[in-house]
PDB file of all heavy atoms in Angstrom:
ATOM      1  N   LEU A   1       9.161 -25.130 -23.758  1.00  0.00           N
ATOM      2  CA  LEU A   1       7.778 -25.292 -23.329  1.00  0.00           C
ATOM      3  C   LEU A   1       6.820 -24.651 -24.329  1.00  0.00           C
ATOM      4  O   LEU A   1       7.009 -23.507 -24.751  1.00  0.00           O
ATOM      5  CB  LEU A   1       7.557 -24.669 -21.956  1.00  0.00           C
ATOM      6  CG  LEU A   1       8.039 -25.486 -20.754  1.00  0.00           C
ATOM      7  CD1 LEU A   1       8.035 -24.636 -19.493  1.00  0.00           C
ATOM      8  CD2 LEU A   1       7.167 -26.728 -20.564  1.00  0.00           C
ATOM      9  N   SER A   2       5.788 -25.398 -24.692  1.00  0.00           N
ATOM     10  CA  SER A   2       4.742 -24.840 -25.553  1.00  0.00           C
ATOM     11  C   SER A   2       3.519 -24.428 -24.753  1.00  0.00           C
ATOM     12  O   SER A   2       2.757 -23.564 -25.190  1.00  0.00           O
ATOM     13  CB  SER A   2       4.332 -25.844 -26.633  1.00  0.00           C
ATOM     14  OG  SER A   2       3.797 -27.016 -26.047  1.00  0.00           O
ATOM     15  N   SER A   3       3.340 -25.041 -23.570  1.00  0.00           N
ATOM     16  CA  SER A   3       2.183 -24.660 -22.756  1.00  0.00           C
ATOM     17  C   SER A   3       2.324 -25.199 -21.343  1.00  0.00           C
ATOM     18  O   SER A   3       3.063 -26.159 -21.081  1.00  0.00           O
ATOM     19  CB  SER A   3       0.873 -25.177 -23.362  1.00  0.00           C
ATOM     20  OG  SER A   3       0.805 -26.593 -23.275  1.00  0.00           O
ATOM     21  N   PHE A   4       1.601 -24.546 -20.451  1.00  0.00           N
ATOM     22  CA  PHE A   4       1.361 -25.038 -19.091  1.00  0.00           C
ATOM     23  C   PHE A   4      -0.124 -24.893 -18.850  1.00  0.00           C
ATOM     24  O   PHE A   4      -0.731 -23.879 -19.226  1.00  0.00           O
ATOM     25  CB  PHE A   4       2.133 -24.220 -18.052  1.00  0.00           C
ATOM     26  CG  PHE A   4       1.723 -24.530 -16.625  1.00  0.00           C
ATOM     27  CD1 PHE A   4       2.375 -25.519 -15.907  1.00  0.00           C
ATOM     28  CD2 PHE A   4       0.668 -23.856 -16.016  1.00  0.00           C
ATOM     29  CE1 PHE A   4       1.994 -25.820 -14.602  1.00  0.00           C
ATOM     30  CE2 PHE A   4       0.272 -24.147 -14.713  1.00  0.00           C
ATOM     31  CZ  PHE A   4       0.945 -25.138 -14.010  1.00  0.00           C
ATOM     32  N   ALA A   5      -0.722 -25.889 -18.188  1.00  0.00           N
ATOM     33  CA  ALA A   5      -2.147 -25.814 -17.861  1.00  0.00           C
ATOM     34  C   ALA A   5      -2.378 -26.409 -16.484  1.00  0.00           C
ATOM     35  O   ALA A   5      -1.757 -27.409 -16.118  1.00  0.00           O
ATOM     36  CB  ALA A   5      -2.984 -26.553 -18.897  1.00  0.00           C
ATOM     37  N   LEU A   6      -3.254 -25.761 -15.719  1.00  0.00           N
ATOM     38  CA  LEU A   6      -3.713 -26.303 -14.443  1.00  0.00           C
ATOM     39  C   LEU A   6      -5.168 -26.681 -14.648  1.00  0.00           C
ATOM     40  O   LEU A   6      -6.041 -25.818 -14.745  1.00  0.00           O
ATOM     41  CB  LEU A   6      -3.558 -25.255 -13.341  1.00  0.00           C
ATOM     42  CG  LEU A   6      -3.750 -25.742 -11.905  1.00  0.00           C
ATOM     43  CD1 LEU A   6      -2.628 -26.700 -11.508  1.00  0.00           C
ATOM     44  CD2 LEU A   6      -3.799 -24.564 -10.932  1.00  0.00           C
ATOM     45  N   ILE A   7      -5.421 -27.995 -14.771  1.00  0.00           N
ATOM     46  CA  ILE A   7      -6.741 -28.502 -15.140  1.00  0.00           C
ATOM     47  C   ILE A   7      -7.283 -29.335 -13.988  1.00  0.00           C
ATOM     48  O   ILE A   7      -6.698 -30.349 -13.599  1.00  0.00           O
ATOM     49  CB  ILE A   7      -6.663 -29.358 -16.415  1.00  0.00           C
ATOM     50  CG1 ILE A   7      -6.048 -28.539 -17.561  1.00  0.00           C
ATOM     51  CG2 ILE A   7      -8.042 -29.869 -16.806  1.00  0.00           C
ATOM     52  CD1 ILE A   7      -5.733 -29.364 -18.793  1.00  0.00           C
ATOM     53  N   ASP A   8      -8.416 -28.891 -13.424  1.00  0.00           N
ATOM     54  CA  ASP A   8      -8.981 -29.552 -12.250  1.00  0.00           C
ATOM     55  C   ASP A   8      -7.936 -29.718 -11.155  1.00  0.00           C
ATOM     56  O   ASP A   8      -7.904 -30.722 -10.448  1.00  0.00           O
ATOM     57  CB  ASP A   8      -9.578 -30.919 -12.615  1.00  0.00           C
ATOM     58  CG  ASP A   8     -10.823 -30.798 -13.474  1.00  0.00           C
ATOM     59  OD1 ASP A   8     -11.500 -29.752 -13.392  1.00  0.00           O
ATOM     60  OD2 ASP A   8     -11.119 -31.740 -14.226  1.00  0.00           O
ATOM     61  N   GLY A   9      -7.062 -28.722 -11.027  1.00  0.00           N
ATOM     62  CA  GLY A   9      -6.060 -28.740  -9.969  1.00  0.00           C
ATOM     63  C   GLY A   9      -4.811 -29.535 -10.262  1.00  0.00           C
ATOM     64  O   GLY A   9      -3.902 -29.588  -9.423  1.00  0.00           O
ATOM     65  N   VAL A  10      -4.712 -30.133 -11.436  1.00  0.00           N
ATOM     66  CA  VAL A  10      -3.545 -30.942 -11.804  1.00  0.00           C
ATOM     67  C   VAL A  10      -2.697 -30.176 -12.811  1.00  0.00           C
ATOM     68  O   VAL A  10      -3.195 -29.775 -13.867  1.00  0.00           O
ATOM     69  CB  VAL A  10      -3.975 -32.296 -12.406  1.00  0.00           C
ATOM     70  CG1 VAL A  10      -2.764 -33.076 -12.913  1.00  0.00           C
ATOM     71  CG2 VAL A  10      -4.736 -33.119 -11.367  1.00  0.00           C
ATOM     72  N   PRO A  11      -1.401 -29.956 -12.518  1.00  0.00           N
ATOM     73  CA  PRO A  11      -0.550 -29.223 -13.466  1.00  0.00           C
ATOM     74  C   PRO A  11      -0.094 -30.111 -14.623  1.00  0.00           C
ATOM     75  O   PRO A  11       0.212 -31.294 -14.445  1.00  0.00           O
ATOM     76  CB  PRO A  11       0.640 -28.796 -12.604  1.00  0.00           C
ATOM     77  CG  PRO A  11       0.717 -29.822 -11.531  1.00  0.00           C
ATOM     78  CD  PRO A  11      -0.695 -30.275 -11.262  1.00  0.00           C
ATOM     79  N   ARG A  12      -0.026 -29.510 -15.808  1.00  0.00           N
ATOM     80  CA  ARG A  12       0.393 -30.233 -17.008  1.00  0.00           C
ATOM     81  C   ARG A  12       1.316 -29.334 -17.842  1.00  0.00           C
ATOM     82  O   ARG A  12       1.002 -28.177 -18.088  1.00  0.00           O
ATOM     83  CB  ARG A  12      -0.814 -30.625 -17.860  1.00  0.00           C
ATOM     84  CG  ARG A  12      -0.478 -31.499 -19.069  1.00  0.00           C
ATOM     85  CD  ARG A  12      -1.652 -31.585 -20.023  1.00  0.00           C
ATOM     86  NE  ARG A  12      -1.821 -30.331 -20.761  1.00  0.00           N
ATOM     87  CZ  ARG A  12      -2.894 -30.038 -21.503  1.00  0.00           C
ATOM     88  NH1 ARG A  12      -3.909 -30.882 -21.556  1.00  0.00           N
ATOM     89  NH2 ARG A  12      -2.962 -28.888 -22.162  1.00  0.00           N
ATOM     90  N   TRP A  13       2.455 -29.886 -18.189  1.00  0.00           N
ATOM     91  CA  TRP A  13       3.398 -29.178 -19.063  1.00  0.00           C
ATOM     92  C   TRP A  13       3.478 -29.892 -20.412  1.00  0.00           C
ATOM     93  O   TRP A  13       3.377 -31.121 -20.480  1.00  0.00           O
ATOM     94  CB  TRP A  13       4.807 -29.183 -18.474  1.00  0.00           C
ATOM     95  CG  TRP A  13       4.986 -28.403 -17.216  1.00  0.00           C
ATOM     96  CD1 TRP A  13       5.509 -27.156 -17.082  1.00  0.00           C
ATOM     97  CD2 TRP A  13       4.662 -28.837 -15.875  1.00  0.00           C
ATOM     98  NE1 TRP A  13       5.533 -26.773 -15.754  1.00  0.00           N
ATOM     99  CE2 TRP A  13       5.013 -27.788 -15.005  1.00  0.00           C
ATOM    100  CE3 TRP A  13       4.095 -30.008 -15.350  1.00  0.00           C
ATOM    101  CZ2 TRP A  13       4.838 -27.883 -13.624  1.00  0.00           C
ATOM    102  CZ3 TRP A  13       3.908 -30.100 -13.980  1.00  0.00           C
ATOM    103  CH2 TRP A  13       4.276 -29.041 -13.128  1.00  0.00           C
ATOM    104  N   ARG A  14       3.696 -29.135 -21.486  1.00  0.00           N
ATOM    105  CA  ARG A  14       4.005 -29.714 -22.788  1.00  0.00           C
ATOM    106  C   ARG A  14       5.223 -29.017 -23.380  1.00  0.00           C
ATOM    107  O   ARG A  14       5.284 -27.794 -23.428  1.00  0.00           O
ATOM    108  CB  ARG A  14       2.812 -29.623 -23.741  1.00  0.00           C
ATOM    109  CG  ARG A  14       1.718 -30.627 -23.407  1.00  0.00           C
ATOM    110  CD  ARG A  14       0.600 -30.635 -24.418  1.00  0.00           C
ATOM    111  NE  ARG A  14      -0.347 -31.704 -24.105  1.00  0.00           N
ATOM    112  CZ  ARG A  14      -1.486 -31.912 -24.761  1.00  0.00           C
ATOM    113  NH1 ARG A  14      -1.815 -31.113 -25.781  1.00  0.00           N
ATOM    114  NH2 ARG A  14      -2.294 -32.903 -24.415  1.00  0.00           N
ATOM    115  N   TRP A  15       6.185 -29.828 -23.803  1.00  0.00           N
ATOM    116  CA  TRP A  15       7.373 -29.337 -24.488  1.00  0.00           C
ATOM    117  C   TRP A  15       7.291 -29.734 -25.965  1.00  0.00           C
ATOM    118  O   TRP A  15       6.855 -30.840 -26.301  1.00  0.00           O
ATOM    119  CB  TRP A  15       8.643 -29.964 -23.926  1.00  0.00           C
ATOM    120  CG  TRP A  15       9.012 -29.595 -22.516  1.00  0.00           C
ATOM    121  CD1 TRP A  15       9.828 -28.574 -22.123  1.00  0.00           C
ATOM    122  CD2 TRP A  15       8.636 -30.286 -21.319  1.00  0.00           C
ATOM    123  NE1 TRP A  15       9.989 -28.578 -20.755  1.00  0.00           N
ATOM    124  CE2 TRP A  15       9.263 -29.614 -20.239  1.00  0.00           C
ATOM    125  CE3 TRP A  15       7.827 -31.395 -21.043  1.00  0.00           C
ATOM    126  CZ2 TRP A  15       9.111 -30.019 -18.913  1.00  0.00           C
ATOM    127  CZ3 TRP A  15       7.666 -31.802 -19.721  1.00  0.00           C
ATOM    128  CH2 TRP A  15       8.302 -31.118 -18.681  1.00  0.00           C
ATOM    129  N   ARG A  16       7.711 -28.854 -26.838  1.00  0.00           N
ATOM    130  CA  ARG A  16       7.785 -29.173 -28.256  1.00  0.00           C
ATOM    131  C   ARG A  16       9.233 -29.082 -28.706  1.00  0.00           C
ATOM    132  O   ARG A  16       9.895 -28.053 -28.530  1.00  0.00           O
ATOM    133  CB  ARG A  16       6.915 -28.235 -29.094  1.00  0.00           C
ATOM    134  CG  ARG A  16       7.049 -28.469 -30.604  1.00  0.00           C
ATOM    135  CD  ARG A  16       6.113 -27.603 -31.410  1.00  0.00           C
ATOM    136  NE  ARG A  16       4.724 -28.028 -31.294  1.00  0.00           N
ATOM    137  CZ  ARG A  16       4.181 -29.031 -31.976  1.00  0.00           C
ATOM    138  NH1 ARG A  16       4.941 -29.748 -32.835  1.00  0.00           N
ATOM    139  NH2 ARG A  16       2.915 -29.346 -31.826  1.00  0.00           N
ATOM    140  N   ILE A  17       9.717 -30.187 -29.303  1.00  0.00           N
ATOM    141  CA  ILE A  17      11.040 -30.245 -29.904  1.00  0.00           C
ATOM    142  C   ILE A  17      10.822 -30.636 -31.355  1.00  0.00           C
ATOM    143  O   ILE A  17      10.745 -31.826 -31.700  1.00  0.00           O
ATOM    144  CB  ILE A  17      11.949 -31.270 -29.190  1.00  0.00           C
ATOM    145  CG1 ILE A  17      11.948 -31.015 -27.681  1.00  0.00           C
ATOM    146  CG2 ILE A  17      13.371 -31.209 -29.733  1.00  0.00           C
ATOM    147  CD1 ILE A  17      10.943 -31.838 -26.913  1.00  0.00           C
ATOM    148  N   GLY A  18      10.644 -29.636 -32.226  1.00  0.00           N
ATOM    149  CA  GLY A  18      10.280 -29.929 -33.612  1.00  0.00           C
ATOM    150  C   GLY A  18       8.904 -30.558 -33.657  1.00  0.00           C
ATOM    151  O   GLY A  18       7.931 -29.986 -33.151  1.00  0.00           O
ATOM    152  N   ASP A  19       8.829 -31.767 -34.255  1.00  0.00           N
ATOM    153  CA  ASP A  19       7.530 -32.428 -34.338  1.00  0.00           C
ATOM    154  C   ASP A  19       7.228 -33.292 -33.121  1.00  0.00           C
ATOM    155  O   ASP A  19       6.157 -33.897 -33.020  1.00  0.00           O
ATOM    156  CB  ASP A  19       7.454 -33.283 -35.610  1.00  0.00           C
ATOM    157  CG  ASP A  19       8.425 -34.454 -35.576  1.00  0.00           C
ATOM    158  OD1 ASP A  19       9.407 -34.390 -34.809  1.00  0.00           O
ATOM    159  OD2 ASP A  19       8.196 -35.431 -36.329  1.00  0.00           O
ATOM    160  N   VAL A  20       8.164 -33.363 -32.168  1.00  0.00           N
ATOM    161  CA  VAL A  20       7.977 -34.177 -30.957  1.00  0.00           C
ATOM    162  C   VAL A  20       7.337 -33.317 -29.860  1.00  0.00           C
ATOM    163  O   VAL A  20       7.801 -32.211 -29.569  1.00  0.00           O
ATOM    164  CB  VAL A  20       9.321 -34.739 -30.462  1.00  0.00           C
ATOM    165  CG1 VAL A  20       9.153 -35.442 -29.122  1.00  0.00           C
ATOM    166  CG2 VAL A  20       9.905 -35.688 -31.501  1.00  0.00           C
ATOM    167  N   VAL A  21       6.262 -33.835 -29.273  1.00  0.00           N
ATOM    168  CA  VAL A  21       5.593 -33.163 -28.154  1.00  0.00           C
ATOM    169  C   VAL A  21       5.554 -34.124 -26.972  1.00  0.00           C
ATOM    170  O   VAL A  21       5.061 -35.254 -27.084  1.00  0.00           O
ATOM    171  CB  VAL A  21       4.163 -32.730 -28.521  1.00  0.00           C
ATOM    172  CG1 VAL A  21       3.481 -32.071 -27.307  1.00  0.00           C
ATOM    173  CG2 VAL A  21       4.192 -31.758 -29.693  1.00  0.00           C
ATOM    174  N   ILE A  22       6.074 -33.666 -25.845  1.00  0.00           N
ATOM    175  CA  ILE A  22       6.129 -34.452 -24.615  1.00  0.00           C
ATOM    176  C   ILE A  22       5.282 -33.770 -23.551  1.00  0.00           C
ATOM    177  O   ILE A  22       5.327 -32.543 -23.400  1.00  0.00           O
ATOM    178  CB  ILE A  22       7.583 -34.592 -24.107  1.00  0.00           C
ATOM    179  CG1 ILE A  22       8.473 -35.180 -25.194  1.00  0.00           C
ATOM    180  CG2 ILE A  22       7.630 -35.434 -22.836  1.00  0.00           C
ATOM    181  CD1 ILE A  22       8.072 -36.563 -25.648  1.00  0.00           C
ATOM    182  N   GLU A  23       4.537 -34.561 -22.804  1.00  0.00           N
ATOM    183  CA  GLU A  23       3.656 -34.037 -21.760  1.00  0.00           C
ATOM    184  C   GLU A  23       4.047 -34.606 -20.401  1.00  0.00           C
ATOM    185  O   GLU A  23       4.427 -35.774 -20.289  1.00  0.00           O
ATOM    186  CB  GLU A  23       2.206 -34.416 -22.069  1.00  0.00           C
ATOM    187  CG  GLU A  23       1.195 -33.964 -21.034  1.00  0.00           C
ATOM    188  CD  GLU A  23      -0.212 -34.369 -21.414  1.00  0.00           C
ATOM    189  OE1 GLU A  23      -0.834 -33.631 -22.200  1.00  0.00           O
ATOM    190  OE2 GLU A  23      -0.685 -35.434 -20.944  1.00  0.00           O
ATOM    191  N   ARG A  24       3.976 -33.749 -19.379  1.00  0.00           N
ATOM    192  CA  ARG A  24       4.184 -34.183 -17.991  1.00  0.00           C
ATOM    193  C   ARG A  24       2.980 -33.766 -17.159  1.00  0.00           C
ATOM    194  O   ARG A  24       2.480 -32.643 -17.291  1.00  0.00           O
ATOM    195  CB  ARG A  24       5.439 -33.546 -17.401  1.00  0.00           C
ATOM    196  CG  ARG A  24       5.504 -33.594 -15.866  1.00  0.00           C
ATOM    197  CD  ARG A  24       6.696 -32.860 -15.273  1.00  0.00           C
ATOM    198  NE  ARG A  24       7.854 -33.733 -15.189  1.00  0.00           N
ATOM    199  CZ  ARG A  24       8.914 -33.491 -14.422  1.00  0.00           C
ATOM    200  NH1 ARG A  24       8.970 -32.399 -13.680  1.00  0.00           N
ATOM    201  NH2 ARG A  24       9.935 -34.328 -14.406  1.00  0.00           N
ATOM    202  N   GLU A  25       2.507 -34.682 -16.296  1.00  0.00           N
ATOM    203  CA  GLU A  25       1.484 -34.362 -15.301  1.00  0.00           C
ATOM    204  C   GLU A  25       1.962 -34.866 -13.945  1.00  0.00           C
ATOM    205  O   GLU A  25       2.626 -35.910 -13.855  1.00  0.00           O
ATOM    206  CB  GLU A  25       0.138 -34.992 -15.653  1.00  0.00           C
ATOM    207  CG  GLU A  25      -0.523 -34.354 -16.868  1.00  0.00           C
ATOM    208  CD  GLU A  25      -1.898 -34.922 -17.133  1.00  0.00           C
ATOM    209  OE1 GLU A  25      -2.022 -36.160 -17.258  1.00  0.00           O
ATOM    210  OE2 GLU A  25      -2.852 -34.125 -17.238  1.00  0.00           O
ATOM    211  N   ILE A  26       1.599 -34.125 -12.901  1.00  0.00           N
ATOM    212  CA  ILE A  26       1.986 -34.478 -11.538  1.00  0.00           C
ATOM    213  C   ILE A  26       0.731 -34.485 -10.673  1.00  0.00           C
ATOM    214  O   ILE A  26      -0.133 -33.609 -10.801  1.00  0.00           O
ATOM    215  CB  ILE A  26       3.003 -33.476 -10.963  1.00  0.00           C
ATOM    216  CG1 ILE A  26       4.241 -33.391 -11.846  1.00  0.00           C
ATOM    217  CG2 ILE A  26       3.406 -33.856  -9.539  1.00  0.00           C
ATOM    218  CD1 ILE A  26       5.228 -32.311 -11.401  1.00  0.00           C
ATOM    219  N   ALA A  27       0.646 -35.471  -9.773  1.00  0.00           N
ATOM    220  CA  ALA A  27      -0.463 -35.517  -8.825  1.00  0.00           C
ATOM    221  C   ALA A  27       0.015 -36.130  -7.520  1.00  0.00           C
ATOM    222  O   ALA A  27       0.814 -37.071  -7.529  1.00  0.00           O
ATOM    223  CB  ALA A  27      -1.628 -36.331  -9.382  1.00  0.00           C
ATOM    224  N   THR A  28      -0.451 -35.584  -6.418  1.00  0.00           N
ATOM    225  CA  THR A  28      -0.214 -36.214  -5.128  1.00  0.00           C
ATOM    226  C   THR A  28      -1.327 -37.217  -4.859  1.00  0.00           C
ATOM    227  O   THR A  28      -2.368 -37.212  -5.514  1.00  0.00           O
ATOM    228  CB  THR A  28      -0.178 -35.159  -4.007  1.00  0.00           C
ATOM    229  OG1 THR A  28      -1.308 -34.284  -4.150  1.00  0.00           O
ATOM    230  CG2 THR A  28       1.106 -34.345  -4.059  1.00  0.00           C
ATOM    231  N   VAL A  29      -1.102 -38.078  -3.878  1.00  0.00           N
ATOM    232  CA  VAL A  29      -2.091 -39.085  -3.479  1.00  0.00           C
ATOM    233  C   VAL A  29      -2.737 -38.592  -2.196  1.00  0.00           C
ATOM    234  O   VAL A  29      -2.067 -38.495  -1.162  1.00  0.00           O
ATOM    235  CB  VAL A  29      -1.435 -40.458  -3.272  1.00  0.00           C
ATOM    236  CG1 VAL A  29      -2.480 -41.486  -2.843  1.00  0.00           C
ATOM    237  CG2 VAL A  29      -0.729 -40.904  -4.545  1.00  0.00           C
ATOM    238  N   HIS A  30      -4.017 -38.261  -2.260  1.00  0.00           N
ATOM    239  CA  HIS A  30      -4.675 -37.658  -1.110  1.00  0.00           C
ATOM    240  C   HIS A  30      -4.720 -38.627   0.071  1.00  0.00           C
ATOM    241  O   HIS A  30      -5.126 -39.777  -0.063  1.00  0.00           O
ATOM    242  CB  HIS A  30      -6.099 -37.231  -1.465  1.00  0.00           C
ATOM    243  CG  HIS A  30      -6.747 -36.400  -0.393  1.00  0.00           C
ATOM    244  ND1 HIS A  30      -6.471 -35.063  -0.232  1.00  0.00           N
ATOM    245  CD2 HIS A  30      -7.631 -36.729   0.582  1.00  0.00           C
ATOM    246  CE1 HIS A  30      -7.166 -34.596   0.793  1.00  0.00           C
ATOM    247  NE2 HIS A  30      -7.881 -35.583   1.293  1.00  0.00           N
ATOM    248  N   GLY A  31      -4.275 -38.117   1.225  1.00  0.00           N
ATOM    249  CA  GLY A  31      -4.335 -38.916   2.439  1.00  0.00           C
ATOM    250  C   GLY A  31      -3.037 -39.587   2.828  1.00  0.00           C
ATOM    251  O   GLY A  31      -2.962 -40.238   3.866  1.00  0.00           O
ATOM    252  N   ARG A  32      -1.989 -39.422   2.005  1.00  0.00           N
ATOM    253  CA  ARG A  32      -0.687 -39.992   2.348  1.00  0.00           C
ATOM    254  C   ARG A  32       0.414 -39.195   1.643  1.00  0.00           C
ATOM    255  O   ARG A  32       0.158 -38.546   0.625  1.00  0.00           O
ATOM    256  CB  ARG A  32      -0.609 -41.470   1.948  1.00  0.00           C
ATOM    257  CG  ARG A  32      -0.754 -41.725   0.466  1.00  0.00           C
ATOM    258  CD  ARG A  32      -0.662 -43.208   0.131  1.00  0.00           C
ATOM    259  NE  ARG A  32       0.652 -43.767   0.460  1.00  0.00           N
ATOM    260  CZ  ARG A  32       1.052 -44.992   0.117  1.00  0.00           C
ATOM    261  NH1 ARG A  32       0.244 -45.790  -0.561  1.00  0.00           N
ATOM    262  NH2 ARG A  32       2.241 -45.440   0.456  1.00  0.00           N
ATOM    263  N   PRO A  33       1.644 -39.244   2.147  1.00  0.00           N
ATOM    264  CA  PRO A  33       2.743 -38.519   1.504  1.00  0.00           C
ATOM    265  C   PRO A  33       3.259 -39.280   0.291  1.00  0.00           C
ATOM    266  O   PRO A  33       4.146 -40.139   0.401  1.00  0.00           O
ATOM    267  CB  PRO A  33       3.794 -38.421   2.615  1.00  0.00           C
ATOM    268  CG  PRO A  33       3.532 -39.611   3.486  1.00  0.00           C
ATOM    269  CD  PRO A  33       2.052 -39.863   3.424  1.00  0.00           C
ATOM    270  N   ALA A  34       2.695 -38.971  -0.864  1.00  0.00           N
ATOM    271  CA  ALA A  34       3.044 -39.702  -2.080  1.00  0.00           C
ATOM    272  C   ALA A  34       2.761 -38.829  -3.288  1.00  0.00           C
ATOM    273  O   ALA A  34       1.835 -38.011  -3.286  1.00  0.00           O
ATOM    274  CB  ALA A  34       2.257 -41.011  -2.174  1.00  0.00           C
ATOM    275  N   VAL A  35       3.570 -39.027  -4.352  1.00  0.00           N
ATOM    276  CA  VAL A  35       3.411 -38.250  -5.566  1.00  0.00           C
ATOM    277  C   VAL A  35       3.659 -39.131  -6.780  1.00  0.00           C
ATOM    278  O   VAL A  35       4.454 -40.071  -6.726  1.00  0.00           O
ATOM    279  CB  VAL A  35       4.378 -37.033  -5.574  1.00  0.00           C
ATOM    280  CG1 VAL A  35       5.824 -37.483  -5.614  1.00  0.00           C
ATOM    281  CG2 VAL A  35       4.062 -36.079  -6.727  1.00  0.00           C
ATOM    282  N   SER A  36       2.937 -38.829  -7.846  1.00  0.00           N
ATOM    283  CA  SER A  36       3.093 -39.527  -9.123  1.00  0.00           C
ATOM    284  C   SER A  36       3.487 -38.516 -10.180  1.00  0.00           C
ATOM    285  O   SER A  36       2.863 -37.453 -10.298  1.00  0.00           O
ATOM    286  CB  SER A  36       1.772 -40.211  -9.524  1.00  0.00           C
ATOM    287  OG  SER A  36       1.791 -40.600 -10.877  1.00  0.00           O
TER     288      SER A  36
END
C-alpha cells in the first residue's frame, strides 16, 4: 500500500508494485443493501 484516503466519505486505497499503481474505491448505495 502506498496510501489510503477517505475523501467525501469514500475510502480509497492505492497499491504500488514497481511502476504499477492500482486503486480501489468502495461505495454503498444509499437506500438499499448494495455495494460497489
